[in-house]
Protein backbone atom coordinates (compact mmCIF):
# COMPACT_ATOMS: atom_id res chain seq x y z
CA MET A 1 105.53 -1.35 127.63
CA GLU A 2 109.07 -0.53 126.46
CA GLU A 3 110.07 -2.23 123.22
CA ALA A 4 113.03 -4.75 123.42
CA PRO A 5 116.62 -3.46 122.69
CA ILE A 6 118.21 -4.90 119.70
CA LEU A 7 121.90 -5.60 118.80
CA LEU A 8 122.79 -4.66 115.21
CA VAL A 9 126.06 -6.40 114.37
CA LEU A 10 128.53 -5.16 111.61
CA THR A 11 131.57 -6.84 110.29
CA ASN A 12 135.14 -5.75 111.13
CA HIS A 13 136.54 -7.26 108.01
CA ALA A 14 137.65 -5.03 105.12
CA LYS A 15 139.53 -7.18 102.68
CA LEU A 16 137.85 -8.87 99.83
CA GLY A 17 139.90 -12.10 99.86
CA ASP A 18 142.88 -11.76 97.56
CA SER A 19 141.19 -9.50 95.12
CA GLY A 20 143.01 -6.35 96.46
CA LYS A 21 139.49 -4.72 96.77
CA LEU A 22 137.78 -3.31 99.87
CA THR A 23 134.67 -4.65 101.52
CA GLY A 24 132.88 -4.37 104.76
CA PHE A 25 129.17 -4.10 105.83
CA PHE A 26 126.43 -3.15 103.33
CA LEU A 27 125.18 0.19 104.19
CA SER A 28 121.50 -0.44 103.38
CA GLU A 29 121.40 -3.80 105.32
CA ALA A 30 122.32 -1.84 108.44
CA ALA A 31 120.42 1.42 107.73
CA HIS A 32 117.10 0.01 106.67
CA PRO A 33 116.77 -2.37 109.76
CA TYR A 34 117.98 0.45 112.00
CA GLU A 35 115.23 2.60 110.67
CA VAL A 36 112.54 -0.18 111.10
CA PHE A 37 113.59 -0.89 114.68
CA THR A 38 114.08 2.69 115.93
CA GLU A 39 110.74 3.79 114.29
CA ASN A 40 109.11 0.96 116.26
CA GLY A 41 110.66 2.26 119.42
CA ASN A 42 113.40 -0.40 119.88
CA PRO A 43 116.73 0.85 121.03
CA VAL A 44 119.57 -0.24 118.94
CA THR A 45 123.19 -0.82 119.82
CA LEU A 46 125.77 -1.19 117.09
CA ALA A 47 128.18 -4.04 117.69
CA SER A 48 130.93 -6.03 115.88
CA PRO A 49 133.02 -9.08 116.70
CA LYS A 50 136.12 -7.14 117.75
CA GLY A 51 134.51 -3.72 118.49
CA GLY A 52 135.79 -0.39 117.26
CA PHE A 53 135.88 0.35 113.64
CA ALA A 54 133.41 -1.27 111.22
CA PRO A 55 134.45 -0.81 107.58
CA LEU A 56 131.72 0.05 104.98
CA ASP A 57 131.63 -1.78 101.57
CA PRO A 58 132.37 1.14 99.26
CA LYS A 59 130.05 -0.34 96.68
CA SER A 60 127.15 0.26 98.98
CA PHE A 61 127.81 3.98 99.66
CA ASP A 62 124.41 5.16 98.24
CA LEU A 63 123.22 8.32 100.11
CA LYS A 64 120.34 8.94 97.68
CA ASP A 65 118.67 6.39 99.81
CA GLU A 66 117.16 8.33 102.73
CA ALA A 67 117.58 5.61 105.37
CA ASN A 68 121.15 5.25 104.21
CA ALA A 69 121.80 8.94 104.52
CA SER A 70 120.22 9.20 107.83
CA PHE A 71 122.29 6.21 109.24
CA TRP A 72 125.53 7.65 107.74
CA LYS A 73 124.91 11.07 109.07
CA LYS A 74 124.48 9.63 112.52
CA PHE A 75 127.21 6.92 112.63
CA GLY A 76 129.48 7.40 109.58
CA ASN A 77 132.98 8.69 109.93
CA GLY A 78 132.69 10.85 106.86
CA ASP A 79 135.96 9.47 105.41
CA GLU A 80 135.53 8.69 101.72
CA LYS A 81 138.92 6.86 101.59
CA LYS A 82 138.36 4.72 104.53
CA PRO A 83 134.35 4.82 105.09
CA GLY A 84 132.89 3.14 108.08
CA VAL A 85 131.65 3.35 111.66
CA GLU A 86 134.28 4.32 114.02
CA LYS A 87 132.60 2.96 117.24
CA THR A 88 130.93 -0.40 117.88
CA ILE A 89 130.80 -2.33 120.99
CA ALA A 90 132.81 -5.70 120.99
CA LEU A 91 130.43 -8.63 121.28
CA SER A 92 132.47 -9.95 124.11
CA GLU A 93 131.49 -7.00 126.20
CA VAL A 94 127.74 -7.36 125.51
CA ASP A 95 125.30 -8.01 128.44
CA THR A 96 123.12 -10.38 126.59
CA LYS A 97 120.30 -10.14 129.17
CA ALA A 98 119.91 -6.49 128.06
CA TYR A 99 118.71 -7.39 124.57
CA GLY A 100 115.73 -9.15 123.17
CA ALA A 101 117.20 -9.74 119.71
CA ILE A 102 120.34 -9.75 117.58
CA PHE A 103 120.45 -8.86 113.87
CA PHE A 104 123.37 -9.34 111.52
CA ALA A 105 123.88 -6.95 108.68
CA GLY A 106 125.52 -8.28 105.58
CA GLY A 107 128.14 -7.25 103.28
CA HIS A 108 130.78 -9.59 102.05
CA GLY A 109 133.18 -8.95 104.96
CA ALA A 110 130.92 -10.93 107.17
CA MET A 111 131.96 -14.03 105.35
CA TRP A 112 135.48 -13.84 106.84
CA ASP A 113 134.88 -12.75 110.47
CA PHE A 114 131.39 -13.83 111.44
CA PRO A 115 131.51 -17.63 111.14
CA ASP A 116 134.31 -18.35 113.64
CA SER A 117 133.85 -15.60 116.12
CA GLU A 118 133.44 -17.20 119.55
CA SER A 119 132.01 -14.09 121.07
CA LEU A 120 129.55 -13.94 118.27
CA LYS A 121 128.45 -17.48 118.73
CA LYS A 122 128.10 -17.20 122.56
CA VAL A 123 126.13 -13.97 122.45
CA THR A 124 123.75 -15.57 119.70
CA VAL A 125 123.05 -18.66 121.68
CA SER A 126 122.60 -16.71 124.83
CA ILE A 127 119.93 -14.38 123.41
CA TYR A 128 118.15 -17.28 121.44
CA GLU A 129 118.05 -19.51 124.37
CA ASP A 130 116.65 -16.75 126.51
CA ASN A 131 113.60 -16.62 124.29
CA GLY A 132 115.19 -13.82 122.24
CA SER A 133 115.06 -13.51 118.44
CA VAL A 134 117.86 -13.80 115.89
CA GLY A 135 117.87 -12.15 112.48
CA ALA A 136 120.28 -11.80 109.57
CA VAL A 137 120.34 -10.52 106.03
CA CYS A 138 122.33 -11.35 102.79
CA HIS A 139 125.70 -12.30 104.00
CA GLY A 140 124.89 -11.66 107.52
CA PRO A 141 123.62 -15.28 107.85
CA ALA A 142 127.37 -16.24 107.75
CA ALA A 143 127.16 -15.56 111.50
CA LEU A 144 124.81 -18.63 112.04
CA VAL A 145 126.82 -21.18 110.14
CA ASN A 146 128.53 -22.60 113.19
CA VAL A 147 126.17 -21.59 115.90
CA LYS A 148 125.41 -24.64 118.13
CA LEU A 149 122.81 -24.64 120.78
CA SER A 150 123.35 -26.03 124.40
CA ASP A 151 122.00 -29.48 123.14
CA GLY A 152 124.76 -29.61 120.57
CA LYS A 153 122.53 -29.01 117.57
CA LEU A 154 123.13 -26.32 114.97
CA LEU A 155 120.78 -23.37 115.36
CA ILE A 156 119.88 -23.50 111.66
CA ALA A 157 119.34 -27.15 111.44
CA GLY A 158 115.89 -28.03 110.24
CA LYS A 159 114.99 -24.27 109.84
CA LYS A 160 113.40 -22.47 106.93
CA THR A 161 115.87 -19.82 105.82
CA ALA A 162 116.93 -17.28 103.08
CA VAL A 163 120.53 -16.32 102.39
CA PHE A 164 122.51 -14.84 99.58
CA THR A 165 122.23 -17.46 96.96
CA ASN A 166 124.76 -19.31 94.87
CA SER A 167 123.17 -17.80 91.82
CA GLU A 168 123.60 -14.17 93.25
CA GLU A 169 127.36 -14.86 94.25
CA SER A 170 127.94 -16.05 90.65
CA ALA A 171 126.15 -13.01 89.34
CA VAL A 172 128.44 -10.61 91.26
CA LYS A 173 131.34 -12.69 90.17
CA LEU A 174 132.61 -13.54 93.57
CA SER A 175 132.06 -17.27 93.93
CA GLU A 176 135.72 -17.92 93.74
CA THR A 177 136.60 -15.01 96.14
CA VAL A 178 134.50 -15.79 99.14
CA PRO A 179 135.81 -18.48 101.54
CA PHE A 180 132.57 -20.49 101.13
CA LEU A 181 129.20 -20.37 99.45
CA LEU A 182 126.63 -19.41 102.01
CA GLN A 183 123.69 -21.37 100.46
CA ASP A 184 125.77 -24.42 100.29
CA SER A 185 126.86 -24.27 104.03
CA PHE A 186 123.35 -23.58 105.15
CA GLU A 187 122.04 -26.62 103.18
CA LYS A 188 124.91 -28.76 104.51
CA ALA A 189 123.88 -27.81 108.03
CA GLY A 190 120.43 -29.14 107.52
CA ALA A 191 118.70 -25.77 106.84
CA THR A 192 116.01 -25.41 104.13
CA VAL A 193 117.14 -22.44 101.99
CA GLU A 194 114.04 -20.81 100.18
CA THR A 195 115.21 -18.83 97.12
CA ALA A 196 113.71 -16.11 95.04
CA GLU A 197 114.88 -14.51 91.83
CA ASP A 198 118.31 -12.87 92.01
CA PHE A 199 118.16 -9.69 94.03
CA SER A 200 114.45 -9.63 94.68
CA GLU A 201 112.96 -9.33 98.14
CA ASN A 202 112.80 -12.57 100.11
CA ALA A 203 112.75 -12.79 103.91
CA VAL A 204 111.76 -15.87 105.90
CA ARG A 205 110.57 -16.22 109.59
CA ASP A 206 110.90 -19.67 111.22
CA GLY A 207 109.94 -19.19 114.80
CA ARG A 208 112.44 -16.77 116.46
CA LEU A 209 114.81 -17.02 113.55
CA VAL A 210 114.63 -14.55 110.60
CA THR A 211 116.70 -14.48 107.60
CA GLY A 212 116.76 -12.43 104.35
CA GLN A 213 118.30 -13.21 100.86
CA ASN A 214 119.82 -9.90 99.82
CA PRO A 215 119.99 -6.03 100.16
CA ALA A 216 116.40 -5.89 98.95
CA SER A 217 115.36 -8.03 101.77
CA ALA A 218 116.73 -6.04 104.53
CA LYS A 219 113.62 -4.02 105.54
CA LYS A 220 111.42 -7.10 105.26
CA ALA A 221 113.75 -9.19 107.55
CA ALA A 222 113.67 -6.39 110.15
CA GLU A 223 110.05 -6.34 110.09
CA LEU A 224 109.87 -10.16 110.48
CA LEU A 225 112.30 -9.69 113.48
CA LEU A 226 109.89 -7.38 115.17
CA GLU A 227 107.19 -9.87 114.48
CA ALA A 228 109.23 -12.68 116.07
CA LEU A 229 109.80 -10.49 119.18
CA GLU A 230 106.19 -9.68 119.50
CA LYS A 231 105.23 -13.46 119.20
CA ALA A 232 107.87 -14.50 121.72
CA GLU A 233 106.64 -12.12 124.49
């Protein structure tokens, strides 16, 4: 049997608030899941809210990591001044019936363009309500903050989750820079946020929803997404 195709979603947002610094997607949070998915035989399509260029968070540019180096060689634009992935498909152009799962990579950029993207919300609901699986890691869960299912309930309400914590945001000194705190928003939405020590591996699966706390959790979150896909068959 062919393995289910997976959408891997990257942010289009490059400005770190008013700090004057650059952000984008976190390389390992795309590269490690990509490696897990493709090694399992799942075809992967790179997407973003707007399509086109997906900027890389310069702080995540670590090519000593083999998965990062492989992903960058395959998709990176090779531009050190404006690093990123030049070509992603816009979520508005996605045929959701072609995918068994969607996975949101993190990076602080996601905090700005993921939460209010209408196409992102529609694609997520469509895949989830068609018995598909939804995954996200680190700041990627920002995609799920405002996702309402057909019955009007928030997707994350009542779910066990893991997201980049208030403690971690404080540790990287960006609590005042981000538009909101991810842990707070999840708890306000009725999700249970299971936390681990700062920057240690922590990924949680609740049915067909998988979330991971930080970059160290990307591989585990991807593995749990495959588990969710397998159980949903």
